[in-house]
Amino acid sequence: MISVILQMAGTIALGHIWRYLPLGGWSADRARGALTSSVYYLFLPALVFAVLWRAPLGVDTLRIAGTAAVAVIGSLMLMYAVGRLMPLTRPQFGALLLAASFPNATYMGLPLLDSLFGDAGQAVAIQYDLFACTPLLLSVGILLAARFGDSNEEVHPVKTLLKVPPLWAAVAGAGLNLAGVPQPDWAAEWLDRLGAAVVPIMLVALGMSLRLETLTGRQLLTVSPAVAIQLLWMPLVALGFALAVGTSGQTLTAVVLEGAMPVMVLGLVLCDRFGLDTGLYATTASASTLLALLTIPFWHGVAI
């Protein structure tokens, strides 16, 4: 585990260095946009399609999705209760609600589980995110962002959800799997080659998105409840629910680690779009990502 964390930290650090030493005249934000777009529209759908086409789908799929949903909703409810006691503006409150509730299940969780468990780990990460976290983010998350934000943009959760390429890839892959259609060797090799680009690009892009300059004392104090909920409460909820529904072995460890992931970086886009406090969200994401390098080994030890 420590070796895997160090490798991930090194790759994330390479992306963050780009913020200070832009290559080829490309700023980190511009390069990150190109990298994440290639992952979102091409490489990740290929990986999702390939993995779910051949992964064993059954009761564990329901356990994984259920664990993710309960962990997200449980964290959202706790942050709402805590946030009402804090002197927050509505944009700040909305930003912390998103930050505390949605983990970086794909951009950091998938690389970690891939390194630890291979294809089986990838399958858990994809199901955890696309069968629960992403639908909740693009429905409940967007509705919350619209309610607490300063933007007057209309909200269409269903239309937004239907525009997610990895989700369509998940439906197609799972459909072929459940229909018993075998995956040809040539298709597996081609899709695996495309999917292999996902992990390093995601980690480099994650490093590019970190804003360490926002980690000031006052900001850290404000975001500390959201960070604690994301890194401590959410994996605890995931562990408790997973055990309650009979999850065991590698799958149990994987869902707890998914719950232990730091704040989802994609939330920055929602904050910008709906007028939430983007700076506060960035602070939460950066602080939780750094601290997660310490807390993830702890949760791995608990759940193994």
C-alpha atoms as a PDB file:
ATOM      1  CA  MET A   1       0.000   0.000   0.000  1.00  0.00           C
ATOM      2  CA  ILE A   2       2.729   2.498   0.957  1.00  0.00           C
ATOM      3  CA  SER A   3       4.523   1.835  -2.332  1.00  0.00           C
ATOM      4  CA  VAL A   4       1.301   2.429  -4.289  1.00  0.00           C
ATOM      5  CA  ILE A   5       0.597   5.670  -2.407  1.00  0.00           C
ATOM      6  CA  LEU A   6       4.135   6.936  -3.047  1.00  0.00           C
ATOM      7  CA  GLN A   7       3.851   6.169  -6.762  1.00  0.00           C
ATOM      8  CA  MET A   8       0.522   7.985  -6.959  1.00  0.00           C
ATOM      9  CA  ALA A   9       1.888  10.930  -4.972  1.00  0.00           C
ATOM     10  CA  GLY A  10       4.856  11.166  -7.338  1.00  0.00           C
ATOM     11  CA  THR A  11       2.616  11.242 -10.404  1.00  0.00           C
ATOM     12  CA  ILE A  12       0.313  13.833  -8.811  1.00  0.00           C
ATOM     13  CA  ALA A  13       3.396  15.911  -7.951  1.00  0.00           C
ATOM     14  CA  LEU A  14       4.494  15.893 -11.605  1.00  0.00           C
ATOM     15  CA  GLY A  15       1.139  17.388 -12.561  1.00  0.00           C
ATOM     16  CA  HIS A  16       1.385  20.008  -9.837  1.00  0.00           C
ATOM     17  CA  ILE A  17       4.894  21.033 -10.910  1.00  0.00           C
ATOM     18  CA  TRP A  18       3.356  21.927 -14.275  1.00  0.00           C
ATOM     19  CA  ARG A  19       1.507  24.781 -12.523  1.00  0.00           C
ATOM     20  CA  TYR A  20       4.875  26.442 -11.896  1.00  0.00           C
ATOM     21  CA  LEU A  21       6.825  25.202 -14.934  1.00  0.00           C
ATOM     22  CA  PRO A  22       4.372  25.116 -17.872  1.00  0.00           C
ATOM     23  CA  LEU A  23       5.592  22.948 -20.739  1.00  0.00           C
ATOM     24  CA  GLY A  24       5.259  23.913 -24.379  1.00  0.00           C
ATOM     25  CA  GLY A  25       3.726  27.246 -23.434  1.00  0.00           C
ATOM     26  CA  TRP A  26       0.629  25.507 -22.048  1.00  0.00           C
ATOM     27  CA  SER A  27      -0.610  26.683 -18.669  1.00  0.00           C
ATOM     28  CA  ALA A  28      -1.603  23.968 -16.202  1.00  0.00           C
ATOM     29  CA  ASP A  29      -5.299  24.878 -16.438  1.00  0.00           C
ATOM     30  CA  ARG A  30      -5.261  24.794 -20.244  1.00  0.00           C
ATOM     31  CA  ALA A  31      -3.344  21.513 -20.361  1.00  0.00           C
ATOM     32  CA  ARG A  32      -5.606  20.004 -17.709  1.00  0.00           C
ATOM     33  CA  GLY A  33      -8.660  20.866 -19.784  1.00  0.00           C
ATOM     34  CA  ALA A  34      -7.234  19.036 -22.793  1.00  0.00           C
ATOM     35  CA  LEU A  35      -6.170  16.030 -20.730  1.00  0.00           C
ATOM     36  CA  THR A  36      -9.428  15.649 -18.819  1.00  0.00           C
ATOM     37  CA  SER A  37     -11.479  16.059 -22.002  1.00  0.00           C
ATOM     38  CA  SER A  38      -9.546  13.232 -23.661  1.00  0.00           C
ATOM     39  CA  VAL A  39     -10.178  11.032 -20.624  1.00  0.00           C
ATOM     40  CA  TYR A  40     -13.849  11.966 -20.282  1.00  0.00           C
ATOM     41  CA  TYR A  41     -14.815  11.535 -23.934  1.00  0.00           C
ATOM     42  CA  LEU A  42     -12.445   8.783 -25.119  1.00  0.00           C
ATOM     43  CA  PHE A  43     -10.195   6.864 -22.750  1.00  0.00           C
ATOM     44  CA  LEU A  44     -12.516   6.483 -19.732  1.00  0.00           C
ATOM     45  CA  PRO A  45     -15.521   5.303 -21.794  1.00  0.00           C
ATOM     46  CA  ALA A  46     -13.257   2.713 -23.434  1.00  0.00           C
ATOM     47  CA  LEU A  47     -12.056   1.510 -20.030  1.00  0.00           C
ATOM     48  CA  VAL A  48     -15.566   1.452 -18.543  1.00  0.00           C
ATOM     49  CA  PHE A  49     -16.964  -0.417 -21.552  1.00  0.00           C
ATOM     50  CA  ALA A  50     -14.180  -3.022 -21.475  1.00  0.00           C
ATOM     51  CA  VAL A  51     -14.236  -3.626 -17.721  1.00  0.00           C
ATOM     52  CA  LEU A  52     -18.019  -3.877 -17.306  1.00  0.00           C
ATOM     53  CA  TRP A  53     -18.321  -6.104 -20.371  1.00  0.00           C
ATOM     54  CA  ARG A  54     -16.214  -8.798 -18.706  1.00  0.00           C
ATOM     55  CA  ALA A  55     -16.593  -8.100 -14.958  1.00  0.00           C
ATOM     56  CA  PRO A  56     -18.796 -10.412 -12.855  1.00  0.00           C
ATOM     57  CA  LEU A  57     -22.056  -8.516 -12.268  1.00  0.00           C
ATOM     58  CA  GLY A  58     -24.466  -9.723  -9.609  1.00  0.00           C
ATOM     59  CA  VAL A  59     -25.357  -9.169  -5.985  1.00  0.00           C
ATOM     60  CA  ASP A  60     -22.014  -7.474  -5.319  1.00  0.00           C
ATOM     61  CA  THR A  61     -22.938  -4.824  -7.887  1.00  0.00           C
ATOM     62  CA  LEU A  62     -25.990  -3.919  -5.792  1.00  0.00           C
ATOM     63  CA  ARG A  63     -23.872  -3.935  -2.638  1.00  0.00           C
ATOM     64  CA  ILE A  64     -21.287  -1.623  -4.208  1.00  0.00           C
ATOM     65  CA  ALA A  65     -23.866   0.850  -5.533  1.00  0.00           C
ATOM     66  CA  GLY A  66     -25.839   0.752  -2.288  1.00  0.00           C
ATOM     67  CA  THR A  67     -22.730   1.399  -0.213  1.00  0.00           C
ATOM     68  CA  ALA A  68     -21.794   4.365  -2.387  1.00  0.00           C
ATOM     69  CA  ALA A  69     -25.290   5.859  -2.210  1.00  0.00           C
ATOM     70  CA  VAL A  70     -25.556   5.487   1.567  1.00  0.00           C
ATOM     71  CA  ALA A  71     -22.067   6.940   2.099  1.00  0.00           C
ATOM     72  CA  VAL A  72     -22.816   9.974  -0.091  1.00  0.00           C
ATOM     73  CA  ILE A  73     -26.228  10.661   1.442  1.00  0.00           C
ATOM     74  CA  GLY A  74     -24.968  10.067   4.987  1.00  0.00           C
ATOM     75  CA  SER A  75     -22.123  12.530   4.473  1.00  0.00           C
ATOM     76  CA  LEU A  76     -24.437  15.084   2.873  1.00  0.00           C
ATOM     77  CA  MET A  77     -26.811  14.934   5.835  1.00  0.00           C
ATOM     78  CA  LEU A  78     -24.013  15.329   8.388  1.00  0.00           C
ATOM     79  CA  MET A  79     -22.467  18.280   6.525  1.00  0.00           C
ATOM     80  CA  TYR A  80     -25.886  19.930   6.294  1.00  0.00           C
ATOM     81  CA  ALA A  81     -26.347  19.598  10.059  1.00  0.00           C
ATOM     82  CA  VAL A  82     -22.836  20.901  10.804  1.00  0.00           C
ATOM     83  CA  GLY A  83     -23.050  23.679   8.220  1.00  0.00           C
ATOM     84  CA  ARG A  84     -26.184  25.137   9.786  1.00  0.00           C
ATOM     85  CA  LEU A  85     -24.133  25.801  12.921  1.00  0.00           C
ATOM     86  CA  MET A  86     -21.373  27.620  11.011  1.00  0.00           C
ATOM     87  CA  PRO A  87     -21.311  31.302   9.939  1.00  0.00           C
ATOM     88  CA  LEU A  88     -21.407  30.555   6.208  1.00  0.00           C
ATOM     89  CA  THR A  89     -22.784  32.410   3.208  1.00  0.00           C
ATOM     90  CA  ARG A  90     -25.061  30.398   0.928  1.00  0.00           C
ATOM     91  CA  PRO A  91     -22.337  29.945  -1.747  1.00  0.00           C
ATOM     92  CA  GLN A  92     -19.921  28.757   0.958  1.00  0.00           C
ATOM     93  CA  PHE A  93     -22.492  26.372   2.426  1.00  0.00           C
ATOM     94  CA  GLY A  94     -23.258  24.918  -0.993  1.00  0.00           C
ATOM     95  CA  ALA A  95     -19.573  24.447  -1.797  1.00  0.00           C
ATOM     96  CA  LEU A  96     -18.952  22.583   1.463  1.00  0.00           C
ATOM     97  CA  LEU A  97     -22.035  20.395   0.949  1.00  0.00           C
ATOM     98  CA  LEU A  98     -20.679  19.234  -2.401  1.00  0.00           C
ATOM     99  CA  ALA A  99     -17.140  18.854  -1.068  1.00  0.00           C
ATOM    100  CA  ALA A 100     -18.151  16.721   1.905  1.00  0.00           C
ATOM    101  CA  SER A 101     -20.487  14.457  -0.049  1.00  0.00           C
ATOM    102  CA  PHE A 102     -18.832  13.392  -3.300  1.00  0.00           C
ATOM    103  CA  PRO A 103     -15.482  11.539  -3.307  1.00  0.00           C
ATOM    104  CA  ASN A 104     -12.886  11.491  -6.061  1.00  0.00           C
ATOM    105  CA  ALA A 105     -13.985   7.936  -6.794  1.00  0.00           C
ATOM    106  CA  THR A 106     -12.712   7.778 -10.374  1.00  0.00           C
ATOM    107  CA  TYR A 107      -9.849  10.258 -10.716  1.00  0.00           C
ATOM    108  CA  MET A 108      -8.062   8.940  -7.609  1.00  0.00           C
ATOM    109  CA  GLY A 109     -10.023   5.864  -6.579  1.00  0.00           C
ATOM    110  CA  LEU A 110      -9.685   4.054  -9.881  1.00  0.00           C
ATOM    111  CA  PRO A 111      -5.875   4.407 -10.077  1.00  0.00           C
ATOM    112  CA  LEU A 112      -5.539   3.213  -6.480  1.00  0.00           C
ATOM    113  CA  LEU A 113      -7.804   0.176  -6.855  1.00  0.00           C
ATOM    114  CA  ASP A 114      -6.246  -0.662 -10.213  1.00  0.00           C
ATOM    115  CA  SER A 115      -2.797  -0.726  -8.587  1.00  0.00           C
ATOM    116  CA  LEU A 116      -4.009  -2.845  -5.655  1.00  0.00           C
ATOM    117  CA  PHE A 117      -6.464  -5.256  -7.283  1.00  0.00           C
ATOM    118  CA  GLY A 118      -6.125  -4.990 -11.070  1.00  0.00           C
ATOM    119  CA  ASP A 119      -9.259  -5.533 -13.176  1.00  0.00           C
ATOM    120  CA  ALA A 120     -11.335  -6.445 -10.110  1.00  0.00           C
ATOM    121  CA  GLY A 121     -10.416  -3.134  -8.492  1.00  0.00           C
ATOM    122  CA  GLN A 122     -11.244  -1.204 -11.651  1.00  0.00           C
ATOM    123  CA  ALA A 123     -14.664  -2.857 -11.751  1.00  0.00           C
ATOM    124  CA  VAL A 124     -15.450  -1.818  -8.170  1.00  0.00           C
ATOM    125  CA  ALA A 125     -14.315   1.779  -8.755  1.00  0.00           C
ATOM    126  CA  ILE A 126     -16.390   2.089 -11.922  1.00  0.00           C
ATOM    127  CA  GLN A 127     -19.526   0.609 -10.356  1.00  0.00           C
ATOM    128  CA  TYR A 128     -19.112   2.698  -7.181  1.00  0.00           C
ATOM    129  CA  ASP A 129     -18.923   5.892  -9.197  1.00  0.00           C
ATOM    130  CA  LEU A 130     -21.141   5.374 -12.232  1.00  0.00           C
ATOM    131  CA  PHE A 131     -23.929   3.386 -10.561  1.00  0.00           C
ATOM    132  CA  ALA A 132     -24.303   5.732  -7.567  1.00  0.00           C
ATOM    133  CA  CYS A 133     -21.975   8.717  -7.147  1.00  0.00           C
ATOM    134  CA  THR A 134     -22.339  10.186 -10.642  1.00  0.00           C
ATOM    135  CA  PRO A 135     -26.159   9.861 -10.811  1.00  0.00           C
ATOM    136  CA  LEU A 136     -26.429  11.433  -7.338  1.00  0.00           C
ATOM    137  CA  LEU A 137     -24.005  14.219  -8.269  1.00  0.00           C
ATOM    138  CA  LEU A 138     -25.851  15.081 -11.469  1.00  0.00           C
ATOM    139  CA  SER A 139     -29.249  15.055  -9.772  1.00  0.00           C
ATOM    140  CA  VAL A 140     -29.078  15.876  -6.056  1.00  0.00           C
ATOM    141  CA  GLY A 141     -25.705  17.620  -6.375  1.00  0.00           C
ATOM    142  CA  ILE A 142     -26.821  19.903  -9.187  1.00  0.00           C
ATOM    143  CA  LEU A 143     -30.090  20.743  -7.432  1.00  0.00           C
ATOM    144  CA  LEU A 144     -28.157  21.700  -4.275  1.00  0.00           C
ATOM    145  CA  ALA A 145     -25.664  23.766  -6.271  1.00  0.00           C
ATOM    146  CA  ALA A 146     -28.503  25.628  -7.973  1.00  0.00           C
ATOM    147  CA  ARG A 147     -30.266  26.255  -4.659  1.00  0.00           C
ATOM    148  CA  PHE A 148     -27.244  27.638  -2.805  1.00  0.00           C
ATOM    149  CA  GLY A 149     -25.449  29.320  -5.712  1.00  0.00           C
ATOM    150  CA  ASP A 150     -25.733  32.846  -7.082  1.00  0.00           C
ATOM    151  CA  SER A 151     -26.404  31.713 -10.648  1.00  0.00           C
ATOM    152  CA  ASN A 152     -29.876  31.747 -12.192  1.00  0.00           C
ATOM    153  CA  GLU A 153     -29.075  28.944 -14.624  1.00  0.00           C
ATOM    154  CA  GLU A 154     -31.886  26.466 -15.219  1.00  0.00           C
ATOM    155  CA  VAL A 155     -31.331  22.926 -13.964  1.00  0.00           C
ATOM    156  CA  HIS A 156     -32.018  19.834 -16.084  1.00  0.00           C
ATOM    157  CA  PRO A 157     -30.566  16.850 -14.164  1.00  0.00           C
ATOM    158  CA  VAL A 158     -31.915  14.181 -16.536  1.00  0.00           C
ATOM    159  CA  LYS A 159     -30.546  15.908 -19.636  1.00  0.00           C
ATOM    160  CA  THR A 160     -27.214  16.405 -17.886  1.00  0.00           C
ATOM    161  CA  LEU A 161     -27.052  12.741 -16.882  1.00  0.00           C
ATOM    162  CA  LEU A 162     -27.793  11.612 -20.435  1.00  0.00           C
ATOM    163  CA  LYS A 163     -24.764  13.563 -21.691  1.00  0.00           C
ATOM    164  CA  VAL A 164     -22.207  11.570 -19.647  1.00  0.00           C
ATOM    165  CA  PRO A 165     -20.181   9.357 -22.069  1.00  0.00           C
ATOM    166  CA  PRO A 166     -18.803   6.980 -19.385  1.00  0.00           C
ATOM    167  CA  LEU A 167     -22.363   6.323 -18.190  1.00  0.00           C
ATOM    168  CA  TRP A 168     -23.457   5.260 -21.669  1.00  0.00           C
ATOM    169  CA  ALA A 169     -20.344   3.092 -21.889  1.00  0.00           C
ATOM    170  CA  ALA A 170     -21.304   1.505 -18.555  1.00  0.00           C
ATOM    171  CA  VAL A 171     -24.831   0.746 -19.778  1.00  0.00           C
ATOM    172  CA  ALA A 172     -23.514  -0.757 -23.021  1.00  0.00           C
ATOM    173  CA  GLY A 173     -20.805  -2.829 -21.325  1.00  0.00           C
ATOM    174  CA  ALA A 174     -23.128  -4.124 -18.616  1.00  0.00           C
ATOM    175  CA  GLY A 175     -25.791  -4.894 -21.224  1.00  0.00           C
ATOM    176  CA  LEU A 176     -23.437  -7.042 -23.303  1.00  0.00           C
ATOM    177  CA  ASN A 177     -22.202  -8.711 -20.117  1.00  0.00           C
ATOM    178  CA  LEU A 178     -25.680  -9.610 -18.882  1.00  0.00           C
ATOM    179  CA  ALA A 179     -26.680 -10.756 -22.374  1.00  0.00           C
ATOM    180  CA  GLY A 180     -23.808 -13.240 -22.332  1.00  0.00           C
ATOM    181  CA  VAL A 181     -22.033 -11.763 -25.364  1.00  0.00           C
ATOM    182  CA  PRO A 182     -18.355 -12.811 -25.217  1.00  0.00           C
ATOM    183  CA  GLN A 183     -15.687 -10.129 -25.556  1.00  0.00           C
ATOM    184  CA  PRO A 184     -13.506 -10.864 -28.614  1.00  0.00           C
ATOM    185  CA  ASP A 185      -9.755 -10.910 -28.040  1.00  0.00           C
ATOM    186  CA  TRP A 186      -9.144  -8.132 -30.571  1.00  0.00           C
ATOM    187  CA  ALA A 187     -11.731  -5.891 -28.868  1.00  0.00           C
ATOM    188  CA  ALA A 188     -10.277  -6.596 -25.427  1.00  0.00           C
ATOM    189  CA  GLU A 189      -6.749  -5.723 -26.583  1.00  0.00           C
ATOM    190  CA  TRP A 190      -7.877  -2.528 -28.324  1.00  0.00           C
ATOM    191  CA  LEU A 191     -10.061  -1.315 -25.457  1.00  0.00           C
ATOM    192  CA  ASP A 192      -7.415  -2.187 -22.861  1.00  0.00           C
ATOM    193  CA  ARG A 193      -4.828  -0.209 -24.822  1.00  0.00           C
ATOM    194  CA  LEU A 194      -7.098   2.832 -24.842  1.00  0.00           C
ATOM    195  CA  GLY A 195      -8.042   2.350 -21.197  1.00  0.00           C
ATOM    196  CA  ALA A 196      -4.402   2.136 -20.119  1.00  0.00           C
ATOM    197  CA  ALA A 197      -4.114   5.891 -20.706  1.00  0.00           C
ATOM    198  CA  VAL A 198      -6.684   6.693 -18.019  1.00  0.00           C
ATOM    199  CA  VAL A 199      -4.673   6.192 -14.821  1.00  0.00           C
ATOM    200  CA  PRO A 200      -1.539   8.285 -15.522  1.00  0.00           C
ATOM    201  CA  ILE A 201      -3.510  11.078 -17.217  1.00  0.00           C
ATOM    202  CA  MET A 202      -5.990  11.252 -14.324  1.00  0.00           C
ATOM    203  CA  LEU A 203      -3.245  11.530 -11.718  1.00  0.00           C
ATOM    204  CA  VAL A 204      -1.315  14.184 -13.655  1.00  0.00           C
ATOM    205  CA  ALA A 205      -4.546  16.165 -14.185  1.00  0.00           C
ATOM    206  CA  LEU A 206      -5.331  15.847 -10.480  1.00  0.00           C
ATOM    207  CA  GLY A 207      -1.944  17.356  -9.640  1.00  0.00           C
ATOM    208  CA  MET A 208      -2.597  20.217 -12.054  1.00  0.00           C
ATOM    209  CA  SER A 209      -5.883  20.998 -10.299  1.00  0.00           C
ATOM    210  CA  LEU A 210      -4.428  21.346  -6.788  1.00  0.00           C
ATOM    211  CA  ARG A 211      -4.223  24.930  -5.510  1.00  0.00           C
ATOM    212  CA  LEU A 212      -1.853  24.806  -2.574  1.00  0.00           C
ATOM    213  CA  GLU A 213      -1.738  28.601  -2.365  1.00  0.00           C
ATOM    214  CA  THR A 214      -5.302  28.514  -0.998  1.00  0.00           C
ATOM    215  CA  LEU A 215      -4.245  26.546   2.089  1.00  0.00           C
ATOM    216  CA  THR A 216      -4.272  29.438   4.542  1.00  0.00           C
ATOM    217  CA  GLY A 217      -5.113  29.149   8.237  1.00  0.00           C
ATOM    218  CA  ARG A 218      -8.541  30.779   8.091  1.00  0.00           C
ATOM    219  CA  GLN A 219      -9.608  28.848   5.019  1.00  0.00           C
ATOM    220  CA  LEU A 220      -8.410  25.563   6.502  1.00  0.00           C
ATOM    221  CA  LEU A 221     -10.449  26.170   9.640  1.00  0.00           C
ATOM    222  CA  THR A 222     -13.573  26.758   7.563  1.00  0.00           C
ATOM    223  CA  VAL A 223     -13.141  23.644   5.427  1.00  0.00           C
ATOM    224  CA  SER A 224     -12.023  21.315   8.232  1.00  0.00           C
ATOM    225  CA  PRO A 225     -15.524  19.857   8.890  1.00  0.00           C
ATOM    226  CA  ALA A 226     -15.939  18.937   5.214  1.00  0.00           C
ATOM    227  CA  VAL A 227     -12.445  17.413   5.078  1.00  0.00           C
ATOM    228  CA  ALA A 228     -13.098  15.382   8.240  1.00  0.00           C
ATOM    229  CA  ILE A 229     -16.432  14.138   6.909  1.00  0.00           C
ATOM    230  CA  GLN A 230     -14.908  13.151   3.576  1.00  0.00           C
ATOM    231  CA  LEU A 231     -11.838  11.375   4.946  1.00  0.00           C
ATOM    232  CA  LEU A 232     -13.162   9.913   8.219  1.00  0.00           C
ATOM    233  CA  TRP A 233     -16.959   9.799   8.326  1.00  0.00           C
ATOM    234  CA  MET A 234     -17.643   8.646   4.761  1.00  0.00           C
ATOM    235  CA  PRO A 235     -15.357   5.577   4.849  1.00  0.00           C
ATOM    236  CA  LEU A 236     -16.785   4.682   8.260  1.00  0.00           C
ATOM    237  CA  VAL A 237     -20.325   4.786   6.844  1.00  0.00           C
ATOM    238  CA  ALA A 238     -19.183   2.765   3.825  1.00  0.00           C
ATOM    239  CA  LEU A 239     -17.574   0.169   6.091  1.00  0.00           C
ATOM    240  CA  GLY A 240     -20.635  -0.131   8.329  1.00  0.00           C
ATOM    241  CA  PHE A 241     -23.140  -0.451   5.479  1.00  0.00           C
ATOM    242  CA  ALA A 242     -20.939  -2.809   3.459  1.00  0.00           C
ATOM    243  CA  LEU A 243     -20.589  -5.150   6.427  1.00  0.00           C
ATOM    244  CA  ALA A 244     -24.325  -4.937   7.135  1.00  0.00           C
ATOM    245  CA  VAL A 245     -25.212  -6.138   3.619  1.00  0.00           C
ATOM    246  CA  GLY A 246     -22.670  -8.957   3.616  1.00  0.00           C
ATOM    247  CA  THR A 247     -19.829  -7.473   1.571  1.00  0.00           C
ATOM    248  CA  SER A 248     -16.556  -9.270   2.177  1.00  0.00           C
ATOM    249  CA  GLY A 249     -12.998  -9.837   0.995  1.00  0.00           C
ATOM    250  CA  GLN A 250     -11.489  -7.696  -1.720  1.00  0.00           C
ATOM    251  CA  THR A 251     -14.792  -5.993  -2.488  1.00  0.00           C
ATOM    252  CA  LEU A 252     -15.151  -4.820   1.120  1.00  0.00           C
ATOM    253  CA  THR A 253     -11.654  -3.333   1.119  1.00  0.00           C
ATOM    254  CA  ALA A 254     -12.288  -1.671  -2.237  1.00  0.00           C
ATOM    255  CA  VAL A 255     -15.568   0.037  -1.280  1.00  0.00           C
ATOM    256  CA  VAL A 256     -14.088   1.338   1.978  1.00  0.00           C
ATOM    257  CA  LEU A 257     -11.121   2.777   0.073  1.00  0.00           C
ATOM    258  CA  GLU A 258     -13.517   4.393  -2.399  1.00  0.00           C
ATOM    259  CA  GLY A 259     -15.304   5.997   0.537  1.00  0.00           C
ATOM    260  CA  ALA A 260     -11.941   7.210   1.836  1.00  0.00           C
ATOM    261  CA  MET A 261     -11.120   9.147  -1.325  1.00  0.00           C
ATOM    262  CA  PRO A 262     -10.628  12.929  -1.058  1.00  0.00           C
ATOM    263  CA  VAL A 263     -12.928  15.619  -2.431  1.00  0.00           C
ATOM    264  CA  MET A 264     -13.993  15.228  -6.050  1.00  0.00           C
ATOM    265  CA  VAL A 265     -12.182  17.710  -8.320  1.00  0.00           C
ATOM    266  CA  LEU A 266     -15.096  17.851 -10.791  1.00  0.00           C
ATOM    267  CA  GLY A 267     -17.001  19.845  -8.189  1.00  0.00           C
ATOM    268  CA  LEU A 268     -14.967  22.908  -9.189  1.00  0.00           C
ATOM    269  CA  VAL A 269     -16.892  22.931 -12.470  1.00  0.00           C
ATOM    270  CA  LEU A 270     -20.241  22.921 -10.657  1.00  0.00           C
ATOM    271  CA  CYS A 271     -19.085  25.690  -8.322  1.00  0.00           C
ATOM    272  CA  ASP A 272     -18.124  27.887 -11.285  1.00  0.00           C
ATOM    273  CA  ARG A 273     -21.322  27.077 -13.151  1.00  0.00           C
ATOM    274  CA  PHE A 274     -23.769  27.757 -10.320  1.00  0.00           C
ATOM    275  CA  GLY A 275     -21.983  30.561  -8.463  1.00  0.00           C
ATOM    276  CA  LEU A 276     -20.774  28.686  -5.391  1.00  0.00           C
ATOM    277  CA  ASP A 277     -17.553  29.592  -3.564  1.00  0.00           C
ATOM    278  CA  THR A 278     -15.009  28.046  -5.936  1.00  0.00           C
ATOM    279  CA  GLY A 279     -12.010  29.154  -3.867  1.00  0.00           C
ATOM    280  CA  LEU A 280     -13.356  27.476  -0.745  1.00  0.00           C
ATOM    281  CA  TYR A 281     -14.072  24.291  -2.685  1.00  0.00           C
ATOM    282  CA  ALA A 282     -10.546  24.333  -4.140  1.00  0.00           C
ATOM    283  CA  THR A 283      -9.104  24.641  -0.639  1.00  0.00           C
ATOM    284  CA  THR A 284     -11.171  21.665   0.522  1.00  0.00           C
ATOM    285  CA  ALA A 285     -10.121  19.566  -2.469  1.00  0.00           C
ATOM    286  CA  SER A 286      -6.425  20.409  -2.075  1.00  0.00           C
ATOM    287  CA  ALA A 287      -6.339  19.857   1.691  1.00  0.00           C
ATOM    288  CA  SER A 288      -8.256  16.584   1.504  1.00  0.00           C
ATOM    289  CA  THR A 289      -6.064  15.240  -1.306  1.00  0.00           C
ATOM    290  CA  LEU A 290      -2.879  15.858   0.675  1.00  0.00           C
ATOM    291  CA  LEU A 291      -4.321  14.412   3.893  1.00  0.00           C
ATOM    292  CA  ALA A 292      -5.771  11.411   2.054  1.00  0.00           C
ATOM    293  CA  LEU A 293      -2.233  10.215   1.354  1.00  0.00           C
ATOM    294  CA  LEU A 294      -2.045   9.627   5.126  1.00  0.00           C
ATOM    295  CA  THR A 295      -5.597   8.434   5.853  1.00  0.00           C
ATOM    296  CA  ILE A 296      -5.964   5.979   2.956  1.00  0.00           C
ATOM    297  CA  PRO A 297      -3.340   3.548   4.360  1.00  0.00           C
ATOM    298  CA  PHE A 298      -5.195   3.677   7.692  1.00  0.00           C
ATOM    299  CA  TRP A 299      -8.519   2.695   6.105  1.00  0.00           C
ATOM    300  CA  HIS A 300      -6.786   0.016   4.050  1.00  0.00           C
ATOM    301  CA  GLY A 301      -5.516  -1.486   7.292  1.00  0.00           C
ATOM    302  CA  VAL A 302      -8.982  -1.323   8.846  1.00  0.00           C
ATOM    303  CA  ALA A 303     -10.789  -2.924   5.909  1.00  0.00           C
ATOM    304  CA  ILE A 304      -8.260  -5.514   4.750  1.00  0.00           C
END
